[in-house]
Amino acid sequence: MRELVVLGTASQVPTRERNQNGYLLLWDGEGLLFDPGEGTQRQMILAGVPASRITRLCLTHVHGDHCYGVPGVLSRMALDGVEHPVHLHYPASGEPVVRALVSLASGRLDLRLHPHGAAGDVAPGLEVRPLAHRIEAYGYRLSEPDGRTLLPERLEAAGIDGPDIGRLQQEGALRGVTLEEVSGFRPGQRFALVMDTAPCAGAEELAEGADLLVAESTFADAEAGLARGYRHLTAGQAGALAASGGVRTLLLTHFSSRYQDLEPLRLQAQARAGRAEVRVARDLDRIRLPKRRAIDA
């Protein structure tokens, strides 16, 4: 199953309805926890997700609402006796803050620190791109490799069945028939997370071709001046980002506490999102990745 568990959707100031940030992506056997703000440990309990599901923590930057939940989450994992390695990815300039946060965690855990200071791959299928915030910040993208899907009618027409199907997949050709002739191109699924940033090239690269894009929407379009000053996105800018990247589903989050009704933000984003479906994230939502894109036969 590939599913996003939304643990918090507030920006700096939580509200009665919205906890600070926290997004747990369950992707096959991995659990990637992005930007755990204060209270994330409790939100995981409410969501019914055990801390043992976490294999990686990924910080976009070290502002408090994106990382103050780290000690509690790590302590809970140690208390639960998690034995698998836990990888922590973060901007290199945040090393002092990360070290301080980690030092507060209690118990033994096989924690492995992975600072990054430039765009690129940080783990198999996981990459980062720089964002444009007030401190060093990076967004994340997780991508499944592209592949091919066998088409039964073409296999039948070529007279290939039973164990020969496996041989064809392994060898790429069998009795003059190539794998490409009896299969269709299957694009891999892509998830992207873009947090605190002004519009920038890095955000656009992350959004490109994403099946699910989680993007901050701190301000309404009417507060574009505030967004520029604090280096955040407006709802409309998040929508435009989705449109330029051909995103399938845009999930808005990281809302300022000034907004109680979030529907106007969704409408502002949808107006500029092109063909993307725009949704508003709410605490404890569970969002499945969209079904795979159509096979190109």
C-alpha atoms as a PDB file:
ATOM      1  CA  MET A   1       0.000   0.000   0.000  1.00  0.00           C
ATOM      2  CA  ARG A   2       1.159   3.522  -0.764  1.00  0.00           C
ATOM      3  CA  GLU A   3      -0.588   6.021   1.459  1.00  0.00           C
ATOM      4  CA  LEU A   4       0.051   9.373   3.103  1.00  0.00           C
ATOM      5  CA  VAL A   5      -1.016   9.767   6.724  1.00  0.00           C
ATOM      6  CA  VAL A   6      -1.473  13.464   7.529  1.00  0.00           C
ATOM      7  CA  LEU A   7      -0.406  14.089  11.128  1.00  0.00           C
ATOM      8  CA  GLY A   8      -0.523  17.890  11.186  1.00  0.00           C
ATOM      9  CA  THR A   9      -1.384  20.746   8.832  1.00  0.00           C
ATOM     10  CA  ALA A  10      -0.645  23.950  10.760  1.00  0.00           C
ATOM     11  CA  SER A  11       2.271  26.253  10.083  1.00  0.00           C
ATOM     12  CA  GLN A  12       4.073  27.950  12.965  1.00  0.00           C
ATOM     13  CA  VAL A  13       1.042  28.347  15.237  1.00  0.00           C
ATOM     14  CA  PRO A  14      -1.171  25.295  15.880  1.00  0.00           C
ATOM     15  CA  THR A  15      -4.908  25.683  16.303  1.00  0.00           C
ATOM     16  CA  ARG A  16      -7.637  23.703  18.042  1.00  0.00           C
ATOM     17  CA  GLU A  17      -8.149  21.747  14.824  1.00  0.00           C
ATOM     18  CA  ARG A  18      -4.653  21.677  13.367  1.00  0.00           C
ATOM     19  CA  ASN A  19      -1.454  20.293  14.872  1.00  0.00           C
ATOM     20  CA  GLN A  20       1.924  21.420  13.609  1.00  0.00           C
ATOM     21  CA  ASN A  21       3.386  19.660  10.565  1.00  0.00           C
ATOM     22  CA  GLY A  22       3.808  15.927  10.177  1.00  0.00           C
ATOM     23  CA  TYR A  23       3.393  13.649   7.156  1.00  0.00           C
ATOM     24  CA  LEU A  24       4.001   9.892   7.185  1.00  0.00           C
ATOM     25  CA  LEU A  25       4.321   8.306   3.762  1.00  0.00           C
ATOM     26  CA  LEU A  26       3.801   4.540   3.769  1.00  0.00           C
ATOM     27  CA  TRP A  27       5.477   3.316   0.619  1.00  0.00           C
ATOM     28  CA  ASP A  28       5.769  -0.443   0.233  1.00  0.00           C
ATOM     29  CA  GLY A  29       7.982  -1.527   3.140  1.00  0.00           C
ATOM     30  CA  GLU A  30       9.180   1.961   4.043  1.00  0.00           C
ATOM     31  CA  GLY A  31       7.724   4.601   6.316  1.00  0.00           C
ATOM     32  CA  LEU A  32       9.010   8.104   5.623  1.00  0.00           C
ATOM     33  CA  LEU A  33       8.140  10.711   8.245  1.00  0.00           C
ATOM     34  CA  PHE A  34       8.459  14.237   6.861  1.00  0.00           C
ATOM     35  CA  ASP A  35       8.834  17.351   9.034  1.00  0.00           C
ATOM     36  CA  PRO A  36       7.561  16.132  12.422  1.00  0.00           C
ATOM     37  CA  GLY A  37       6.545  19.205  14.383  1.00  0.00           C
ATOM     38  CA  GLU A  38       5.633  19.398  18.046  1.00  0.00           C
ATOM     39  CA  GLY A  39       2.990  16.834  19.013  1.00  0.00           C
ATOM     40  CA  THR A  40       3.700  14.379  16.204  1.00  0.00           C
ATOM     41  CA  GLN A  41       4.082  11.426  18.597  1.00  0.00           C
ATOM     42  CA  ARG A  42       0.542  11.956  19.907  1.00  0.00           C
ATOM     43  CA  GLN A  43      -0.858  12.468  16.414  1.00  0.00           C
ATOM     44  CA  MET A  44       0.542   9.089  15.397  1.00  0.00           C
ATOM     45  CA  ILE A  45      -1.369   7.486  18.258  1.00  0.00           C
ATOM     46  CA  LEU A  46      -4.583   9.190  17.130  1.00  0.00           C
ATOM     47  CA  ALA A  47      -3.931   8.068  13.561  1.00  0.00           C
ATOM     48  CA  GLY A  48      -3.387   4.485  14.678  1.00  0.00           C
ATOM     49  CA  VAL A  49       0.103   4.276  13.196  1.00  0.00           C
ATOM     50  CA  PRO A  50       2.851   2.676  15.304  1.00  0.00           C
ATOM     51  CA  ALA A  51       6.217   4.412  15.457  1.00  0.00           C
ATOM     52  CA  SER A  52       7.801   1.142  14.372  1.00  0.00           C
ATOM     53  CA  ARG A  53       6.564   1.859  10.815  1.00  0.00           C
ATOM     54  CA  ILE A  54       9.099   4.684  10.484  1.00  0.00           C
ATOM     55  CA  THR A  55      12.286   3.876   8.601  1.00  0.00           C
ATOM     56  CA  ARG A  56      13.313   7.408   7.595  1.00  0.00           C
ATOM     57  CA  LEU A  57      12.834  10.910   8.988  1.00  0.00           C
ATOM     58  CA  CYS A  58      13.163  13.647   6.386  1.00  0.00           C
ATOM     59  CA  LEU A  59      13.483  17.300   7.417  1.00  0.00           C
ATOM     60  CA  THR A  60      13.038  20.036   4.844  1.00  0.00           C
ATOM     61  CA  HIS A  61      14.625  22.561   7.219  1.00  0.00           C
ATOM     62  CA  VAL A  62      15.146  23.139  10.931  1.00  0.00           C
ATOM     63  CA  HIS A  63      12.475  25.695  11.798  1.00  0.00           C
ATOM     64  CA  GLY A  64      10.709  24.431  14.918  1.00  0.00           C
ATOM     65  CA  ASP A  65       7.345  23.607  13.375  1.00  0.00           C
ATOM     66  CA  HIS A  66       9.157  21.180  11.066  1.00  0.00           C
ATOM     67  CA  CYS A  67      11.439  19.406  13.529  1.00  0.00           C
ATOM     68  CA  TYR A  68      10.538  19.855  17.213  1.00  0.00           C
ATOM     69  CA  GLY A  69       8.747  16.502  17.183  1.00  0.00           C
ATOM     70  CA  VAL A  70      11.956  14.597  16.441  1.00  0.00           C
ATOM     71  CA  PRO A  71      12.998  13.848  20.075  1.00  0.00           C
ATOM     72  CA  GLY A  72       9.577  12.511  21.027  1.00  0.00           C
ATOM     73  CA  VAL A  73       9.275  10.313  17.945  1.00  0.00           C
ATOM     74  CA  LEU A  74      12.769   8.862  18.402  1.00  0.00           C
ATOM     75  CA  SER A  75      12.177   8.270  22.115  1.00  0.00           C
ATOM     76  CA  ARG A  76       8.947   6.437  21.350  1.00  0.00           C
ATOM     77  CA  MET A  77      10.711   4.257  18.778  1.00  0.00           C
ATOM     78  CA  ALA A  78      13.392   3.377  21.329  1.00  0.00           C
ATOM     79  CA  LEU A  79      10.737   2.638  23.957  1.00  0.00           C
ATOM     80  CA  ASP A  80       8.973   0.329  21.512  1.00  0.00           C
ATOM     81  CA  GLY A  81      12.207  -1.557  20.926  1.00  0.00           C
ATOM     82  CA  VAL A  82      12.595  -0.729  17.249  1.00  0.00           C
ATOM     83  CA  GLU A  83      15.593  -2.681  15.980  1.00  0.00           C
ATOM     84  CA  HIS A  84      15.780  -1.691  12.327  1.00  0.00           C
ATOM     85  CA  PRO A  85      18.030   1.209  11.263  1.00  0.00           C
ATOM     86  CA  VAL A  86      16.371   4.623  11.240  1.00  0.00           C
ATOM     87  CA  HIS A  87      17.760   7.150   8.759  1.00  0.00           C
ATOM     88  CA  LEU A  88      17.532  10.887   9.398  1.00  0.00           C
ATOM     89  CA  HIS A  89      17.926  13.198   6.383  1.00  0.00           C
ATOM     90  CA  TYR A  90      18.359  16.951   6.829  1.00  0.00           C
ATOM     91  CA  PRO A  91      20.110  20.064   5.426  1.00  0.00           C
ATOM     92  CA  ALA A  92      23.782  20.113   6.386  1.00  0.00           C
ATOM     93  CA  SER A  93      23.599  23.643   7.791  1.00  0.00           C
ATOM     94  CA  GLY A  94      21.079  22.379  10.341  1.00  0.00           C
ATOM     95  CA  GLU A  95      23.605  20.018  11.908  1.00  0.00           C
ATOM     96  CA  PRO A  96      23.799  21.826  15.295  1.00  0.00           C
ATOM     97  CA  VAL A  97      20.013  21.859  15.668  1.00  0.00           C
ATOM     98  CA  VAL A  98      19.665  18.225  14.614  1.00  0.00           C
ATOM     99  CA  ARG A  99      22.408  17.133  17.000  1.00  0.00           C
ATOM    100  CA  ALA A 100      20.662  18.973  19.835  1.00  0.00           C
ATOM    101  CA  LEU A 101      17.295  17.397  19.011  1.00  0.00           C
ATOM    102  CA  VAL A 102      18.768  13.918  18.758  1.00  0.00           C
ATOM    103  CA  SER A 103      20.570  14.350  22.075  1.00  0.00           C
ATOM    104  CA  LEU A 104      17.184  14.860  23.778  1.00  0.00           C
ATOM    105  CA  ALA A 105      15.878  11.494  22.644  1.00  0.00           C
ATOM    106  CA  SER A 106      16.038   8.752  25.258  1.00  0.00           C
ATOM    107  CA  GLY A 107      16.827   5.072  24.752  1.00  0.00           C
ATOM    108  CA  ARG A 108      18.917   3.164  22.271  1.00  0.00           C
ATOM    109  CA  LEU A 109      18.157   3.304  18.580  1.00  0.00           C
ATOM    110  CA  ASP A 110      20.174   2.503  15.459  1.00  0.00           C
ATOM    111  CA  LEU A 111      19.966   6.089  14.208  1.00  0.00           C
ATOM    112  CA  ARG A 112      21.975   7.050  11.137  1.00  0.00           C
ATOM    113  CA  LEU A 113      22.412  10.719  10.232  1.00  0.00           C
ATOM    114  CA  HIS A 114      22.535  11.807   6.581  1.00  0.00           C
ATOM    115  CA  PRO A 115      23.110  15.546   6.049  1.00  0.00           C
ATOM    116  CA  HIS A 116      22.853  16.859   2.499  1.00  0.00           C
ATOM    117  CA  GLY A 117      24.045  20.140   1.064  1.00  0.00           C
ATOM    118  CA  ALA A 118      23.090  19.991  -2.610  1.00  0.00           C
ATOM    119  CA  ALA A 119      20.511  18.617  -5.001  1.00  0.00           C
ATOM    120  CA  GLY A 120      20.683  14.914  -5.689  1.00  0.00           C
ATOM    121  CA  ASP A 121      19.823  11.419  -4.530  1.00  0.00           C
ATOM    122  CA  VAL A 122      19.927  10.811  -0.771  1.00  0.00           C
ATOM    123  CA  ALA A 123      18.596   7.222  -0.726  1.00  0.00           C
ATOM    124  CA  PRO A 124      17.341   4.713  -3.323  1.00  0.00           C
ATOM    125  CA  GLY A 125      14.516   6.457  -5.177  1.00  0.00           C
ATOM    126  CA  LEU A 126      14.627   9.476  -2.833  1.00  0.00           C
ATOM    127  CA  GLU A 127      16.016  12.802  -4.022  1.00  0.00           C
ATOM    128  CA  VAL A 128      16.154  16.393  -2.813  1.00  0.00           C
ATOM    129  CA  ARG A 129      16.099  19.796  -4.487  1.00  0.00           C
ATOM    130  CA  PRO A 130      16.884  23.173  -2.883  1.00  0.00           C
ATOM    131  CA  LEU A 131      14.000  25.465  -2.010  1.00  0.00           C
ATOM    132  CA  ALA A 132      13.987  29.251  -1.492  1.00  0.00           C
ATOM    133  CA  HIS A 133      13.250  29.868   2.178  1.00  0.00           C
ATOM    134  CA  ARG A 134      14.807  32.082   4.840  1.00  0.00           C
ATOM    135  CA  ILE A 135      17.198  29.298   5.842  1.00  0.00           C
ATOM    136  CA  GLU A 136      18.593  26.355   3.895  1.00  0.00           C
ATOM    137  CA  ALA A 137      15.680  24.142   2.889  1.00  0.00           C
ATOM    138  CA  TYR A 138      15.120  21.187   0.577  1.00  0.00           C
ATOM    139  CA  GLY A 139      12.055  19.465  -0.800  1.00  0.00           C
ATOM    140  CA  TYR A 140      11.848  15.715  -1.350  1.00  0.00           C
ATOM    141  CA  ARG A 141      10.680  13.442  -4.137  1.00  0.00           C
ATOM    142  CA  LEU A 142      10.255   9.667  -4.002  1.00  0.00           C
ATOM    143  CA  SER A 143      10.070   7.931  -7.362  1.00  0.00           C
ATOM    144  CA  GLU A 144       9.366   4.388  -8.426  1.00  0.00           C
ATOM    145  CA  PRO A 145      11.429   3.283 -11.452  1.00  0.00           C
ATOM    146  CA  ASP A 146       9.595   3.211 -14.748  1.00  0.00           C
ATOM    147  CA  GLY A 147       8.816  -0.283 -15.986  1.00  0.00           C
ATOM    148  CA  ARG A 148       6.749  -2.322 -18.404  1.00  0.00           C
ATOM    149  CA  THR A 149       3.453  -4.162 -17.994  1.00  0.00           C
ATOM    150  CA  LEU A 150       2.820  -7.357 -19.946  1.00  0.00           C
ATOM    151  CA  LEU A 151      -0.270  -7.303 -22.178  1.00  0.00           C
ATOM    152  CA  PRO A 152      -2.068 -10.690 -22.202  1.00  0.00           C
ATOM    153  CA  GLU A 153      -3.502 -10.324 -25.696  1.00  0.00           C
ATOM    154  CA  ARG A 154      -0.060  -9.672 -27.172  1.00  0.00           C
ATOM    155  CA  LEU A 155       1.471 -12.593 -25.282  1.00  0.00           C
ATOM    156  CA  GLU A 156      -1.258 -14.858 -26.639  1.00  0.00           C
ATOM    157  CA  ALA A 157      -0.762 -13.607 -30.183  1.00  0.00           C
ATOM    158  CA  ALA A 158       2.974 -14.280 -29.898  1.00  0.00           C
ATOM    159  CA  GLY A 159       2.381 -17.783 -28.518  1.00  0.00           C
ATOM    160  CA  ILE A 160       4.152 -17.122 -25.235  1.00  0.00           C
ATOM    161  CA  ASP A 161       2.703 -18.556 -22.044  1.00  0.00           C
ATOM    162  CA  GLY A 162       3.573 -20.402 -18.848  1.00  0.00           C
ATOM    163  CA  PRO A 163       7.258 -20.416 -17.797  1.00  0.00           C
ATOM    164  CA  ASP A 164       8.230 -18.742 -21.072  1.00  0.00           C
ATOM    165  CA  ILE A 165       6.716 -15.494 -19.786  1.00  0.00           C
ATOM    166  CA  GLY A 166       9.262 -15.406 -16.962  1.00  0.00           C
ATOM    167  CA  ARG A 167      12.091 -16.205 -19.370  1.00  0.00           C
ATOM    168  CA  LEU A 168      11.030 -13.351 -21.619  1.00  0.00           C
ATOM    169  CA  GLN A 169      11.020 -10.935 -18.689  1.00  0.00           C
ATOM    170  CA  GLN A 170      14.471 -12.040 -17.569  1.00  0.00           C
ATOM    171  CA  GLU A 171      16.138 -12.224 -20.976  1.00  0.00           C
ATOM    172  CA  GLY A 172      14.293  -9.421 -22.799  1.00  0.00           C
ATOM    173  CA  ALA A 173      13.639 -11.556 -25.907  1.00  0.00           C
ATOM    174  CA  LEU A 174      12.458 -15.064 -26.684  1.00  0.00           C
ATOM    175  CA  ARG A 175      12.071 -16.855 -30.038  1.00  0.00           C
ATOM    176  CA  GLY A 176      12.364 -13.588 -31.903  1.00  0.00           C
ATOM    177  CA  VAL A 177       9.825 -11.770 -29.723  1.00  0.00           C
ATOM    178  CA  THR A 178      11.062  -8.818 -27.643  1.00  0.00           C
ATOM    179  CA  LEU A 179       9.673  -7.731 -24.295  1.00  0.00           C
ATOM    180  CA  GLU A 180       8.746  -4.343 -25.783  1.00  0.00           C
ATOM    181  CA  GLU A 181       6.535  -6.029 -28.391  1.00  0.00           C
ATOM    182  CA  VAL A 182       4.293  -7.703 -25.815  1.00  0.00           C
ATOM    183  CA  SER A 183       4.225  -5.040 -23.100  1.00  0.00           C
ATOM    184  CA  GLY A 184       3.392  -1.399 -22.515  1.00  0.00           C
ATOM    185  CA  PHE A 185       5.383   1.370 -20.861  1.00  0.00           C
ATOM    186  CA  ARG A 186       4.400   1.823 -17.213  1.00  0.00           C
ATOM    187  CA  PRO A 187       5.483   5.109 -15.637  1.00  0.00           C
ATOM    188  CA  GLY A 188       6.588   4.768 -12.037  1.00  0.00           C
ATOM    189  CA  GLN A 189       4.614   6.529  -9.329  1.00  0.00           C
ATOM    190  CA  ARG A 190       6.012   9.786  -7.938  1.00  0.00           C
ATOM    191  CA  PHE A 191       5.436  11.553  -4.637  1.00  0.00           C
ATOM    192  CA  ALA A 192       6.762  15.047  -3.932  1.00  0.00           C
ATOM    193  CA  LEU A 193       6.789  17.267  -0.870  1.00  0.00           C
ATOM    194  CA  VAL A 194       7.405  21.009  -1.138  1.00  0.00           C
ATOM    195  CA  MET A 195       7.388  22.901   2.128  1.00  0.00           C
ATOM    196  CA  ASP A 196       8.410  26.436   3.087  1.00  0.00           C
ATOM    197  CA  THR A 197       9.580  28.230  -0.039  1.00  0.00           C
ATOM    198  CA  ALA A 198       9.036  31.062  -2.442  1.00  0.00           C
ATOM    199  CA  PRO A 199       8.441  29.999  -6.063  1.00  0.00           C
ATOM    200  CA  CYS A 200      11.707  28.543  -7.360  1.00  0.00           C
ATOM    201  CA  ALA A 201      13.243  26.114  -9.844  1.00  0.00           C
ATOM    202  CA  GLY A 202      13.781  23.464  -7.193  1.00  0.00           C
ATOM    203  CA  ALA A 203      10.072  23.328  -6.391  1.00  0.00           C
ATOM    204  CA  GLU A 204       9.261  23.027 -10.082  1.00  0.00           C
ATOM    205  CA  GLU A 205      11.707  20.135 -10.506  1.00  0.00           C
ATOM    206  CA  LEU A 206      10.212  18.294  -7.567  1.00  0.00           C
ATOM    207  CA  ALA A 207       6.652  18.734  -8.830  1.00  0.00           C
ATOM    208  CA  GLU A 208       7.406  17.510 -12.349  1.00  0.00           C
ATOM    209  CA  GLY A 209       5.239  14.480 -13.104  1.00  0.00           C
ATOM    210  CA  ALA A 210       4.165  13.939  -9.475  1.00  0.00           C
ATOM    211  CA  ASP A 211       1.158  11.726  -8.880  1.00  0.00           C
ATOM    212  CA  LEU A 212       0.743  13.324  -5.447  1.00  0.00           C
ATOM    213  CA  LEU A 213       2.274  16.693  -4.582  1.00  0.00           C
ATOM    214  CA  VAL A 214       2.072  17.890  -0.978  1.00  0.00           C
ATOM    215  CA  ALA A 215       2.663  21.629  -1.028  1.00  0.00           C
ATOM    216  CA  GLU A 216       2.559  24.383   1.534  1.00  0.00           C
ATOM    217  CA  SER A 217      -0.215  26.933   1.150  1.00  0.00           C
ATOM    218  CA  THR A 218       0.539  29.225   4.045  1.00  0.00           C
ATOM    219  CA  PHE A 219      -1.240  32.310   2.709  1.00  0.00           C
ATOM    220  CA  ALA A 220      -4.235  33.253   0.602  1.00  0.00           C
ATOM    221  CA  ASP A 221      -3.539  35.116  -2.626  1.00  0.00           C
ATOM    222  CA  ALA A 222      -4.603  38.394  -1.002  1.00  0.00           C
ATOM    223  CA  GLU A 223      -1.596  38.098   1.327  1.00  0.00           C
ATOM    224  CA  ALA A 224       0.942  37.721  -1.493  1.00  0.00           C
ATOM    225  CA  GLY A 225       3.063  40.482   0.054  1.00  0.00           C
ATOM    226  CA  LEU A 226       3.360  38.558   3.317  1.00  0.00           C
ATOM    227  CA  ALA A 227       4.177  35.406   1.386  1.00  0.00           C
ATOM    228  CA  ARG A 228       7.033  37.179  -0.400  1.00  0.00           C
ATOM    229  CA  GLY A 229       8.383  38.601   2.846  1.00  0.00           C
ATOM    230  CA  TYR A 230       8.347  35.278   4.690  1.00  0.00           C
ATOM    231  CA  ARG A 231       9.252  33.287   1.559  1.00  0.00           C
ATOM    232  CA  HIS A 232       6.181  31.108   1.445  1.00  0.00           C
ATOM    233  CA  LEU A 233       3.675  30.090  -1.214  1.00  0.00           C
ATOM    234  CA  THR A 234       0.171  31.400  -1.621  1.00  0.00           C
ATOM    235  CA  ALA A 235      -2.628  28.994  -2.517  1.00  0.00           C
ATOM    236  CA  GLY A 236      -2.625  30.253  -6.095  1.00  0.00           C
ATOM    237  CA  GLN A 237       1.128  29.774  -6.394  1.00  0.00           C
ATOM    238  CA  ALA A 238       0.777  26.201  -5.154  1.00  0.00           C
ATOM    239  CA  GLY A 239      -1.853  25.643  -7.838  1.00  0.00           C
ATOM    240  CA  ALA A 240       0.389  27.110 -10.521  1.00  0.00           C
ATOM    241  CA  LEU A 241       3.209  24.835  -9.369  1.00  0.00           C
ATOM    242  CA  ALA A 242       0.959  21.814  -9.837  1.00  0.00           C
ATOM    243  CA  ALA A 243      -0.124  22.968 -13.291  1.00  0.00           C
ATOM    244  CA  SER A 244       3.424  23.552 -14.538  1.00  0.00           C
ATOM    245  CA  GLY A 245       4.502  20.100 -13.349  1.00  0.00           C
ATOM    246  CA  GLY A 246       1.567  18.160 -14.739  1.00  0.00           C
ATOM    247  CA  VAL A 247       0.677  17.029 -11.203  1.00  0.00           C
ATOM    248  CA  ARG A 248      -2.289  14.700 -10.826  1.00  0.00           C
ATOM    249  CA  THR A 249      -3.298  15.469  -7.219  1.00  0.00           C
ATOM    250  CA  LEU A 250      -2.253  18.547  -5.230  1.00  0.00           C
ATOM    251  CA  LEU A 251      -2.639  18.353  -1.459  1.00  0.00           C
ATOM    252  CA  LEU A 252      -2.534  21.765   0.240  1.00  0.00           C
ATOM    253  CA  THR A 253      -1.197  22.075   3.791  1.00  0.00           C
ATOM    254  CA  HIS A 254       0.867  24.247   6.219  1.00  0.00           C
ATOM    255  CA  PHE A 255      -1.917  26.758   6.772  1.00  0.00           C
ATOM    256  CA  SER A 256      -1.596  30.010   8.697  1.00  0.00           C
ATOM    257  CA  SER A 257      -3.692  30.102  11.862  1.00  0.00           C
ATOM    258  CA  ARG A 258      -5.516  33.163  10.468  1.00  0.00           C
ATOM    259  CA  TYR A 259      -7.579  30.874   8.220  1.00  0.00           C
ATOM    260  CA  GLN A 260     -10.379  28.814   9.725  1.00  0.00           C
ATOM    261  CA  ASP A 261     -12.277  28.150   6.509  1.00  0.00           C
ATOM    262  CA  LEU A 262      -9.859  26.543   4.046  1.00  0.00           C
ATOM    263  CA  GLU A 263     -12.232  26.208   1.110  1.00  0.00           C
ATOM    264  CA  PRO A 264     -11.281  29.659  -0.312  1.00  0.00           C
ATOM    265  CA  LEU A 265      -7.652  28.529  -0.393  1.00  0.00           C
ATOM    266  CA  ARG A 266      -8.611  25.379  -2.266  1.00  0.00           C
ATOM    267  CA  LEU A 267     -10.591  27.393  -4.806  1.00  0.00           C
ATOM    268  CA  GLN A 268      -7.686  29.802  -5.343  1.00  0.00           C
ATOM    269  CA  ALA A 269      -5.339  26.873  -5.939  1.00  0.00           C
ATOM    270  CA  GLN A 270      -7.789  25.054  -8.206  1.00  0.00           C
ATOM    271  CA  ALA A 271      -8.213  28.149 -10.368  1.00  0.00           C
ATOM    272  CA  ARG A 272      -4.539  27.938 -11.349  1.00  0.00           C
ATOM    273  CA  ALA A 273      -3.938  24.181 -11.057  1.00  0.00           C
ATOM    274  CA  GLY A 274      -4.864  23.213 -14.592  1.00  0.00           C
ATOM    275  CA  ARG A 275      -5.923  19.560 -14.710  1.00  0.00           C
ATOM    276  CA  ALA A 276      -4.703  18.713 -11.212  1.00  0.00           C
ATOM    277  CA  GLU A 277      -7.217  17.743  -8.559  1.00  0.00           C
ATOM    278  CA  VAL A 278      -6.776  20.028  -5.538  1.00  0.00           C
ATOM    279  CA  ARG A 279      -7.489  18.775  -2.032  1.00  0.00           C
ATOM    280  CA  VAL A 280      -7.136  20.360   1.391  1.00  0.00           C
ATOM    281  CA  ALA A 281      -5.217  18.292   3.928  1.00  0.00           C
ATOM    282  CA  ARG A 282      -6.820  17.861   7.322  1.00  0.00           C
ATOM    283  CA  ASP A 283      -5.268  16.341  10.407  1.00  0.00           C
ATOM    284  CA  LEU A 284      -5.476  12.533  10.469  1.00  0.00           C
ATOM    285  CA  ASP A 285      -6.489  12.252   6.819  1.00  0.00           C
ATOM    286  CA  ARG A 286      -5.247   9.168   5.005  1.00  0.00           C
ATOM    287  CA  ILE A 287      -4.574   9.868   1.336  1.00  0.00           C
ATOM    288  CA  ARG A 288      -3.855   7.018  -1.059  1.00  0.00           C
ATOM    289  CA  LEU A 289      -1.681   7.733  -4.037  1.00  0.00           C
ATOM    290  CA  PRO A 290      -3.697   8.027  -7.251  1.00  0.00           C
ATOM    291  CA  LYS A 291      -3.973   4.917  -9.379  1.00  0.00           C
ATOM    292  CA  ARG A 292      -1.141   4.438 -11.807  1.00  0.00           C
ATOM    293  CA  ARG A 293      -1.087   6.485 -14.965  1.00  0.00           C
ATOM    294  CA  ALA A 294      -2.439   4.746 -18.044  1.00  0.00           C
ATOM    295  CA  ILE A 295      -0.092   2.285 -19.715  1.00  0.00           C
ATOM    296  CA  ASP A 296       1.336   3.532 -22.988  1.00  0.00           C
ATOM    297  CA  ALA A 297       0.881   0.552 -25.246  1.00  0.00           C
END
